[in-house]
Amino acid sequence: MSELSAVLAEQTPEDVGKSGPLGLLLTLVLLIAVALLVRSMTTHLKRIPPSFDEPKPEIPDSPAELFEPLPGEELLDTLRRAPRAIEPPRGTDDDRPESSPGR
């Protein structure tokens, strides 16, 4: 066994296992990346609604309340009920008084 420890002592320099400036730089970069990820996640979590439950629909009392009138629907109903200003022809061509084409 003493031969094994002597061989290992000769092969390994003193700096093996110690961190250098590259390790410090890598650690700082990883800490900065984690800080940015945490910041991003907190902003996303703030946007989440308090509840994902869908609001319950309001149930109307009568079937007429199910349909919302379209814009201008009341005006159209009023015009449909109003008397017509121009009346359609009252009959066929036979009812008209005859006029002579030559006179």
N, C-alpha and C. Protein backbone atom coordinates (compact mmCIF):
# COMPACT_ATOMS: atom_id res chain seq x y z
N MET A 1 0.80 -1.18 0.00
CA MET A 1 0.00 0.00 0.00
C MET A 1 0.85 1.26 0.00
N SER A 2 1.94 1.19 0.62
CA SER A 2 2.80 2.37 0.66
C SER A 2 3.29 2.72 -0.73
N GLU A 3 3.39 1.73 -1.59
CA GLU A 3 3.81 2.00 -2.96
C GLU A 3 2.71 2.78 -3.70
N LEU A 4 1.41 2.43 -3.42
CA LEU A 4 0.28 3.11 -4.08
C LEU A 4 0.20 4.57 -3.67
N SER A 5 0.37 4.85 -2.40
CA SER A 5 0.30 6.24 -1.93
C SER A 5 1.49 7.04 -2.43
N ALA A 6 2.59 6.41 -2.60
CA ALA A 6 3.76 7.11 -3.12
C ALA A 6 3.56 7.45 -4.59
N VAL A 7 2.93 6.55 -5.34
CA VAL A 7 2.68 6.81 -6.76
C VAL A 7 1.66 7.93 -6.91
N LEU A 8 0.59 7.92 -6.08
CA LEU A 8 -0.43 8.96 -6.15
C LEU A 8 0.12 10.32 -5.74
N ALA A 9 0.99 10.35 -4.78
CA ALA A 9 1.56 11.61 -4.32
C ALA A 9 2.45 12.21 -5.40
N GLU A 10 3.10 11.37 -6.17
CA GLU A 10 3.97 11.88 -7.22
C GLU A 10 3.16 12.41 -8.41
N GLN A 11 1.97 11.84 -8.69
CA GLN A 11 1.21 12.20 -9.88
C GLN A 11 0.31 13.42 -9.67
N THR A 12 -0.14 13.69 -8.47
CA THR A 12 -1.09 14.79 -8.25
C THR A 12 -0.37 16.02 -7.74
N PRO A 13 -0.52 17.14 -8.43
CA PRO A 13 0.06 18.39 -7.91
C PRO A 13 -0.81 18.95 -6.78
N GLU A 14 -0.35 19.99 -6.17
CA GLU A 14 -1.06 20.56 -5.01
C GLU A 14 -2.37 21.27 -5.42
N ASP A 15 -2.50 21.78 -6.62
CA ASP A 15 -3.66 22.57 -7.05
C ASP A 15 -4.86 21.71 -7.45
N VAL A 16 -4.73 20.38 -7.50
CA VAL A 16 -5.84 19.54 -7.90
C VAL A 16 -6.91 19.57 -6.81
N GLY A 17 -8.19 19.84 -7.21
CA GLY A 17 -9.28 19.87 -6.26
C GLY A 17 -9.58 21.26 -5.73
N LYS A 18 -8.77 22.23 -6.06
CA LYS A 18 -9.02 23.60 -5.61
C LYS A 18 -9.66 24.37 -6.76
N SER A 19 -10.57 25.29 -6.41
CA SER A 19 -11.24 26.06 -7.45
C SER A 19 -10.39 27.27 -7.81
N GLY A 20 -10.51 27.70 -9.07
CA GLY A 20 -9.75 28.85 -9.55
C GLY A 20 -10.70 29.97 -9.93
N PRO A 21 -10.18 30.96 -10.60
CA PRO A 21 -11.01 32.09 -11.02
C PRO A 21 -12.10 31.69 -12.01
N LEU A 22 -11.86 30.66 -12.80
CA LEU A 22 -12.88 30.20 -13.74
C LEU A 22 -14.07 29.61 -12.98
N GLY A 23 -13.86 28.91 -11.89
CA GLY A 23 -14.95 28.38 -11.08
C GLY A 23 -15.77 29.49 -10.45
N LEU A 24 -15.08 30.55 -9.99
CA LEU A 24 -15.79 31.70 -9.41
C LEU A 24 -16.66 32.38 -10.47
N LEU A 25 -16.12 32.55 -11.66
CA LEU A 25 -16.87 33.17 -12.75
C LEU A 25 -18.10 32.33 -13.11
N LEU A 26 -17.93 31.04 -13.21
CA LEU A 26 -19.04 30.15 -13.53
C LEU A 26 -20.11 30.20 -12.44
N THR A 27 -19.72 30.24 -11.20
CA THR A 27 -20.67 30.31 -10.09
C THR A 27 -21.45 31.63 -10.14
N LEU A 28 -20.77 32.74 -10.43
CA LEU A 28 -21.45 34.03 -10.52
C LEU A 28 -22.44 34.07 -11.69
N VAL A 29 -22.06 33.51 -12.82
CA VAL A 29 -22.96 33.48 -13.98
C VAL A 29 -24.20 32.66 -13.65
N LEU A 30 -24.03 31.52 -13.00
CA LEU A 30 -25.18 30.69 -12.63
C LEU A 30 -26.08 31.39 -11.62
N LEU A 31 -25.52 32.10 -10.67
CA LEU A 31 -26.34 32.84 -9.69
C LEU A 31 -27.13 33.96 -10.37
N ILE A 32 -26.51 34.65 -11.32
CA ILE A 32 -27.22 35.71 -12.05
C ILE A 32 -28.36 35.11 -12.87
N ALA A 33 -28.12 33.96 -13.51
CA ALA A 33 -29.16 33.32 -14.30
C ALA A 33 -30.33 32.89 -13.42
N VAL A 34 -30.04 32.35 -12.24
CA VAL A 34 -31.11 31.93 -11.32
C VAL A 34 -31.89 33.15 -10.85
N ALA A 35 -31.22 34.27 -10.56
CA ALA A 35 -31.91 35.48 -10.12
C ALA A 35 -32.85 36.00 -11.21
N LEU A 36 -32.41 35.98 -12.46
CA LEU A 36 -33.26 36.44 -13.56
C LEU A 36 -34.45 35.51 -13.76
N LEU A 37 -34.24 34.21 -13.62
CA LEU A 37 -35.36 33.27 -13.75
C LEU A 37 -36.39 33.44 -12.63
N VAL A 38 -35.94 33.69 -11.42
CA VAL A 38 -36.86 33.91 -10.30
C VAL A 38 -37.66 35.19 -10.52
N ARG A 39 -37.01 36.22 -11.00
CA ARG A 39 -37.70 37.49 -11.27
C ARG A 39 -38.77 37.30 -12.35
N SER A 40 -38.42 36.59 -13.40
CA SER A 40 -39.37 36.34 -14.48
C SER A 40 -40.56 35.51 -13.99
N MET A 41 -40.29 34.52 -13.18
CA MET A 41 -41.36 33.65 -12.69
C MET A 41 -42.31 34.43 -11.77
N THR A 42 -41.80 35.32 -10.95
CA THR A 42 -42.68 36.09 -10.06
C THR A 42 -43.60 37.02 -10.87
N THR A 43 -43.09 37.60 -11.95
CA THR A 43 -43.97 38.45 -12.77
C THR A 43 -45.05 37.61 -13.45
N HIS A 44 -44.71 36.39 -13.87
CA HIS A 44 -45.72 35.53 -14.48
C HIS A 44 -46.75 35.07 -13.45
N LEU A 45 -46.32 34.80 -12.24
CA LEU A 45 -47.24 34.34 -11.20
C LEU A 45 -48.19 35.45 -10.77
N LYS A 46 -47.76 36.69 -10.86
CA LYS A 46 -48.64 37.80 -10.50
C LYS A 46 -49.79 37.97 -11.49
N ARG A 47 -49.60 37.49 -12.72
CA ARG A 47 -50.63 37.62 -13.75
C ARG A 47 -51.69 36.53 -13.68
N ILE A 48 -51.49 35.52 -12.89
CA ILE A 48 -52.45 34.42 -12.80
C ILE A 48 -53.69 34.89 -12.05
N PRO A 49 -54.90 34.59 -12.58
CA PRO A 49 -56.12 35.01 -11.88
C PRO A 49 -56.28 34.25 -10.57
N PRO A 50 -57.00 34.84 -9.60
CA PRO A 50 -57.15 34.18 -8.30
C PRO A 50 -57.92 32.86 -8.38
N SER A 51 -58.80 32.74 -9.37
CA SER A 51 -59.59 31.52 -9.49
C SER A 51 -59.79 31.20 -10.96
N PHE A 52 -59.74 29.92 -11.29
CA PHE A 52 -59.98 29.48 -12.65
C PHE A 52 -61.41 29.01 -12.85
N ASP A 53 -62.25 29.16 -11.84
CA ASP A 53 -63.65 28.75 -11.96
C ASP A 53 -64.36 29.68 -12.94
N GLU A 54 -65.19 29.11 -13.79
CA GLU A 54 -65.95 29.92 -14.73
C GLU A 54 -67.14 30.55 -14.01
N PRO A 55 -67.46 31.80 -14.33
CA PRO A 55 -68.61 32.42 -13.68
C PRO A 55 -69.90 31.71 -14.07
N LYS A 56 -70.80 31.60 -13.11
CA LYS A 56 -72.08 30.93 -13.38
C LYS A 56 -72.95 31.83 -14.25
N PRO A 57 -73.57 31.28 -15.29
CA PRO A 57 -74.41 32.12 -16.14
C PRO A 57 -75.70 32.50 -15.41
N GLU A 58 -76.18 33.70 -15.73
CA GLU A 58 -77.43 34.16 -15.13
C GLU A 58 -78.59 33.51 -15.88
N ILE A 59 -79.53 32.95 -15.15
CA ILE A 59 -80.68 32.30 -15.75
C ILE A 59 -81.83 33.31 -15.77
N PRO A 60 -82.36 33.63 -16.97
CA PRO A 60 -83.44 34.62 -17.05
C PRO A 60 -84.75 34.06 -16.52
N ASP A 61 -85.64 34.98 -16.15
CA ASP A 61 -86.95 34.59 -15.63
C ASP A 61 -87.92 34.18 -16.72
N SER A 62 -87.79 34.78 -17.89
CA SER A 62 -88.72 34.45 -18.97
C SER A 62 -87.92 34.15 -20.24
N PRO A 63 -88.53 33.43 -21.18
CA PRO A 63 -87.81 33.12 -22.42
C PRO A 63 -87.50 34.36 -23.25
N ALA A 64 -88.27 35.42 -23.09
CA ALA A 64 -88.02 36.64 -23.86
C ALA A 64 -86.70 37.28 -23.48
N GLU A 65 -86.26 37.06 -22.26
CA GLU A 65 -85.00 37.64 -21.80
C GLU A 65 -83.79 36.89 -22.34
N LEU A 66 -84.01 35.74 -22.97
CA LEU A 66 -82.89 34.99 -23.54
C LEU A 66 -82.29 35.71 -24.74
N PHE A 67 -83.11 36.42 -25.48
CA PHE A 67 -82.66 37.06 -26.70
C PHE A 67 -82.54 38.56 -26.47
N GLU A 68 -81.37 39.07 -26.71
CA GLU A 68 -81.15 40.51 -26.59
C GLU A 68 -81.54 41.16 -27.91
N PRO A 69 -82.29 42.26 -27.87
CA PRO A 69 -82.67 42.90 -29.13
C PRO A 69 -81.43 43.49 -29.82
N LEU A 70 -81.42 43.38 -31.12
CA LEU A 70 -80.32 43.94 -31.89
C LEU A 70 -80.48 45.45 -31.97
N PRO A 71 -79.41 46.17 -32.23
CA PRO A 71 -79.54 47.63 -32.36
C PRO A 71 -80.46 47.98 -33.51
N GLY A 72 -81.42 48.85 -33.25
CA GLY A 72 -82.38 49.28 -34.26
C GLY A 72 -83.58 48.37 -34.39
N GLU A 73 -83.67 47.32 -33.61
CA GLU A 73 -84.79 46.38 -33.71
C GLU A 73 -86.10 47.04 -33.30
N GLU A 74 -86.07 47.92 -32.30
CA GLU A 74 -87.29 48.61 -31.87
C GLU A 74 -87.82 49.53 -32.97
N LEU A 75 -86.92 50.20 -33.67
CA LEU A 75 -87.32 51.07 -34.77
C LEU A 75 -87.97 50.27 -35.89
N LEU A 76 -87.38 49.13 -36.21
CA LEU A 76 -87.97 48.29 -37.25
C LEU A 76 -89.35 47.79 -36.85
N ASP A 77 -89.53 47.41 -35.60
CA ASP A 77 -90.85 46.97 -35.14
C ASP A 77 -91.87 48.10 -35.24
N THR A 78 -91.46 49.31 -34.89
CA THR A 78 -92.37 50.46 -34.98
C THR A 78 -92.75 50.72 -36.43
N LEU A 79 -91.78 50.65 -37.31
CA LEU A 79 -92.08 50.89 -38.73
C LEU A 79 -92.96 49.79 -39.32
N ARG A 80 -92.82 48.58 -38.85
CA ARG A 80 -93.66 47.49 -39.36
C ARG A 80 -95.11 47.65 -38.92
N ARG A 81 -95.32 48.22 -37.74
CA ARG A 81 -96.69 48.39 -37.22
C ARG A 81 -97.35 49.65 -37.76
N ALA A 82 -96.57 50.59 -38.24
CA ALA A 82 -97.11 51.88 -38.71
C ALA A 82 -97.87 51.67 -40.02
N PRO A 83 -98.88 52.53 -40.29
CA PRO A 83 -99.60 52.41 -41.57
C PRO A 83 -98.67 52.77 -42.72
N ARG A 84 -98.93 52.18 -43.86
CA ARG A 84 -98.07 52.39 -45.00
C ARG A 84 -98.40 53.73 -45.66
N ALA A 85 -97.40 54.44 -46.07
CA ALA A 85 -97.62 55.72 -46.74
C ALA A 85 -98.01 55.50 -48.20
N ILE A 86 -97.47 54.48 -48.80
CA ILE A 86 -97.81 54.17 -50.19
C ILE A 86 -98.51 52.83 -50.18
N GLU A 87 -99.70 52.84 -50.69
CA GLU A 87 -100.46 51.60 -50.70
C GLU A 87 -100.17 50.82 -51.97
N PRO A 88 -100.23 49.52 -51.89
CA PRO A 88 -100.02 48.71 -53.09
C PRO A 88 -101.21 48.85 -54.02
N PRO A 89 -101.10 48.43 -55.28
CA PRO A 89 -102.25 48.50 -56.19
C PRO A 89 -103.43 47.74 -55.62
N ARG A 90 -104.64 48.25 -55.88
CA ARG A 90 -105.85 47.69 -55.26
C ARG A 90 -106.48 46.55 -56.05
N GLY A 91 -106.02 46.23 -57.11
CA GLY A 91 -106.64 45.14 -57.85
C GLY A 91 -105.87 44.84 -59.10
N THR A 92 -106.59 44.28 -60.05
CA THR A 92 -105.97 43.93 -61.32
C THR A 92 -106.13 45.09 -62.29
N ASP A 93 -105.63 44.90 -63.50
CA ASP A 93 -105.72 45.94 -64.52
C ASP A 93 -107.15 46.14 -65.01
N ASP A 94 -108.03 45.17 -64.80
CA ASP A 94 -109.42 45.26 -65.26
C ASP A 94 -110.19 46.34 -64.50
N ASP A 95 -109.80 46.68 -63.31
CA ASP A 95 -110.53 47.64 -62.49
C ASP A 95 -110.24 49.09 -62.89
N ARG A 96 -109.25 49.33 -63.67
CA ARG A 96 -108.88 50.69 -64.03
C ARG A 96 -109.85 51.23 -65.10
N PRO A 97 -110.10 52.52 -65.03
CA PRO A 97 -110.94 53.09 -66.10
C PRO A 97 -110.19 53.06 -67.41
N GLU A 98 -110.95 52.76 -68.48
CA GLU A 98 -110.31 52.63 -69.78
C GLU A 98 -110.16 54.01 -70.40
N SER A 99 -109.05 54.23 -70.94
CA SER A 99 -108.83 55.47 -71.66
C SER A 99 -108.52 55.13 -73.12
N SER A 100 -108.98 55.97 -74.01
CA SER A 100 -108.71 55.68 -75.41
C SER A 100 -107.35 56.22 -75.78
N PRO A 101 -106.61 55.42 -76.49
CA PRO A 101 -105.25 55.83 -76.82
C PRO A 101 -105.21 56.96 -77.84
N GLY A 102 -106.22 57.13 -78.60
CA GLY A 102 -106.19 58.15 -79.64
C GLY A 102 -106.61 59.52 -79.15
N ARG A 103 -107.21 59.66 -78.09
CA ARG A 103 -107.75 60.95 -77.67
C ARG A 103 -106.81 61.73 -76.89
